[in-house]
Protein backbone atom coordinates (compact mmCIF):
# COMPACT_ATOMS: atom_id res chain seq x y z
CA UNK A 1 0.00 0.00 0.00
CA UNK A 2 1.40 3.39 -0.97
CA UNK A 3 1.57 6.48 1.23
CA UNK A 4 -0.76 8.19 -1.24
CA UNK A 5 -3.47 5.57 -0.65
CA UNK A 6 -3.06 5.82 3.12
CA UNK A 7 -3.24 9.62 2.95
CA UNK A 8 -6.45 9.47 0.90
CA UNK A 9 -7.96 7.00 3.37
CA UNK A 10 -7.03 9.27 6.30
CA UNK A 11 -8.59 12.26 4.51
CA UNK A 12 -11.82 10.33 3.84
CA UNK A 13 -12.01 9.13 7.44
CA UNK A 14 -11.46 12.66 8.81
CA UNK A 15 -14.17 13.98 6.50
CA UNK A 16 -16.62 11.21 7.46
CA UNK A 17 -16.18 11.79 11.20
CA UNK A 18 -15.93 15.58 10.98
CA UNK A 19 -12.44 15.53 12.48
CA UNK A 20 -9.57 17.87 11.60
CA UNK A 21 -7.37 14.88 10.69
CA UNK A 22 -7.08 11.10 10.97
CA UNK A 23 -4.08 8.83 11.46
CA UNK A 24 -4.30 5.18 10.40
CA UNK A 25 -2.67 2.51 12.56
CA UNK A 26 -3.02 -1.24 12.74
CA UNK A 27 -5.28 -1.32 15.84
CA UNK A 28 -7.46 0.90 18.01
CA UNK A 29 -5.41 -0.09 21.06
CA UNK A 30 -2.23 1.16 19.37
CA UNK A 31 -3.97 4.47 18.74
CA UNK A 32 -4.80 4.69 22.44
CA UNK A 33 -1.19 3.80 23.24
CA UNK A 34 0.17 6.64 21.08
CA UNK A 35 -2.25 9.13 22.65
CA UNK A 36 -1.25 8.04 26.17
CA UNK A 37 2.45 8.34 25.34
CA UNK A 38 1.97 11.70 23.65
CA UNK A 39 0.44 13.13 26.82
CA UNK A 40 2.60 11.15 29.27
CA UNK A 41 -0.49 9.91 31.11
CA UNK A 42 0.16 7.79 34.21
CA UNK A 43 -3.34 6.54 35.00
CA UNK A 44 -6.27 5.36 32.93
CA UNK A 45 -9.79 4.65 34.12
CA UNK A 46 -11.81 2.22 32.07
CA UNK A 47 -15.10 0.34 32.32
CA UNK A 48 -14.95 -3.16 33.75
CA UNK A 49 -16.41 -4.44 30.50
CA UNK A 50 -13.91 -3.26 27.93
CA UNK A 51 -11.64 -4.94 25.43
CA UNK A 52 -8.94 -7.08 27.07
CA UNK A 53 -6.24 -5.23 25.15
CA UNK A 54 -6.85 -2.00 27.11
CA UNK A 55 -5.88 -3.31 30.59
CA UNK A 56 -3.00 -5.20 28.96
CA UNK A 57 -1.90 -1.86 27.50
CA UNK A 58 -1.78 -0.30 30.98
CA UNK A 59 0.43 -3.14 32.09
CA UNK A 60 2.65 -2.80 29.01
CA UNK A 61 3.11 0.95 29.57
CA UNK A 62 3.53 0.53 33.32
CA UNK A 63 0.72 2.97 34.07
CA UNK A 64 -1.99 2.75 36.72
CA UNK A 65 -5.27 1.13 35.79
CA UNK A 66 -8.49 2.00 37.59
CA UNK A 67 -11.78 0.22 36.92
CA UNK A 68 -15.20 1.83 36.93
CA UNK A 69 -18.74 0.54 36.65
CA UNK A 70 -20.10 1.93 33.42
CA UNK A 71 -22.49 0.61 30.84
CA UNK A 72 -21.06 2.18 27.71
CA UNK A 73 -22.20 2.25 24.13
CA UNK A 74 -20.21 3.36 21.06
CA UNK A 75 -17.33 4.88 23.08
CA UNK A 76 -15.95 5.66 26.53
CA UNK A 77 -13.36 8.06 27.94
CA UNK A 78 -9.99 6.52 28.85
CA UNK A 79 -8.56 9.41 30.84
CA UNK A 80 -10.06 12.11 33.00
CA UNK A 81 -7.35 14.74 32.57
CA UNK A 82 -5.45 16.38 29.75
CA UNK A 83 -6.83 16.12 26.22
CA UNK A 84 -9.53 13.43 26.40
CA UNK A 85 -8.86 10.06 24.78
CA UNK A 86 -11.86 8.00 23.72
CA UNK A 87 -11.94 4.31 22.97
CA UNK A 88 -14.45 4.56 20.16
CA UNK A 89 -13.68 1.22 18.56
CA UNK A 90 -17.28 0.63 17.51
CA UNK A 91 -18.33 4.24 16.79
CA UNK A 92 -18.87 4.46 13.06
CA UNK A 93 -21.30 7.37 12.76
CA UNK A 94 -20.96 10.32 10.44
CA UNK A 95 -19.87 13.58 12.09
CA UNK A 96 -19.37 11.87 15.47
CA UNK A 97 -15.97 13.41 16.29
CA UNK A 98 -15.87 15.08 19.71
CA UNK A 99 -13.96 18.36 19.21
CA UNK A 100 -10.68 18.71 21.09
CA UNK A 101 -10.27 15.00 21.70
CA UNK A 102 -8.38 11.97 20.49
CA UNK A 103 -10.84 9.35 19.27
CA UNK A 104 -9.47 5.90 18.54
CA UNK A 105 -11.50 3.64 16.27
CA UNK A 106 -11.27 0.15 14.89
CA UNK A 107 -12.02 -1.33 11.51
CA UNK A 108 -14.58 -4.04 12.15
CA UNK A 109 -17.93 -5.22 10.85
CA UNK A 110 -19.67 -1.82 11.26
CA UNK A 111 -17.24 -0.18 8.84
CA UNK A 112 -18.69 -1.98 5.86
CA UNK A 113 -22.15 -0.59 6.51
CA UNK A 114 -20.99 3.00 5.78
CA UNK A 115 -19.81 2.31 2.23
């Protein structure tokens, strides 16, 4: 895959979500990881029912993990301070970007319903 194709995909994704830009990675969890590293965040708070990769990520990065009871749908906030990071792995809705945040998504079955 060429950089030109990736750039076009990122532009289309940003336009679809109403975001100023998009960055493509291999996994939603790796997007969360980059956002945590960028902000040097030492603690994340996540719902007890999340993807197993998120608590494993806290362990990998040697950061504190706090659990919370939350019934979430479409997305949830990973951190309570700094620029918000959202695990929005299943949020594939037009113009759903939350301004001023990092929203990490995943390519999965819902993606195919938008094309």
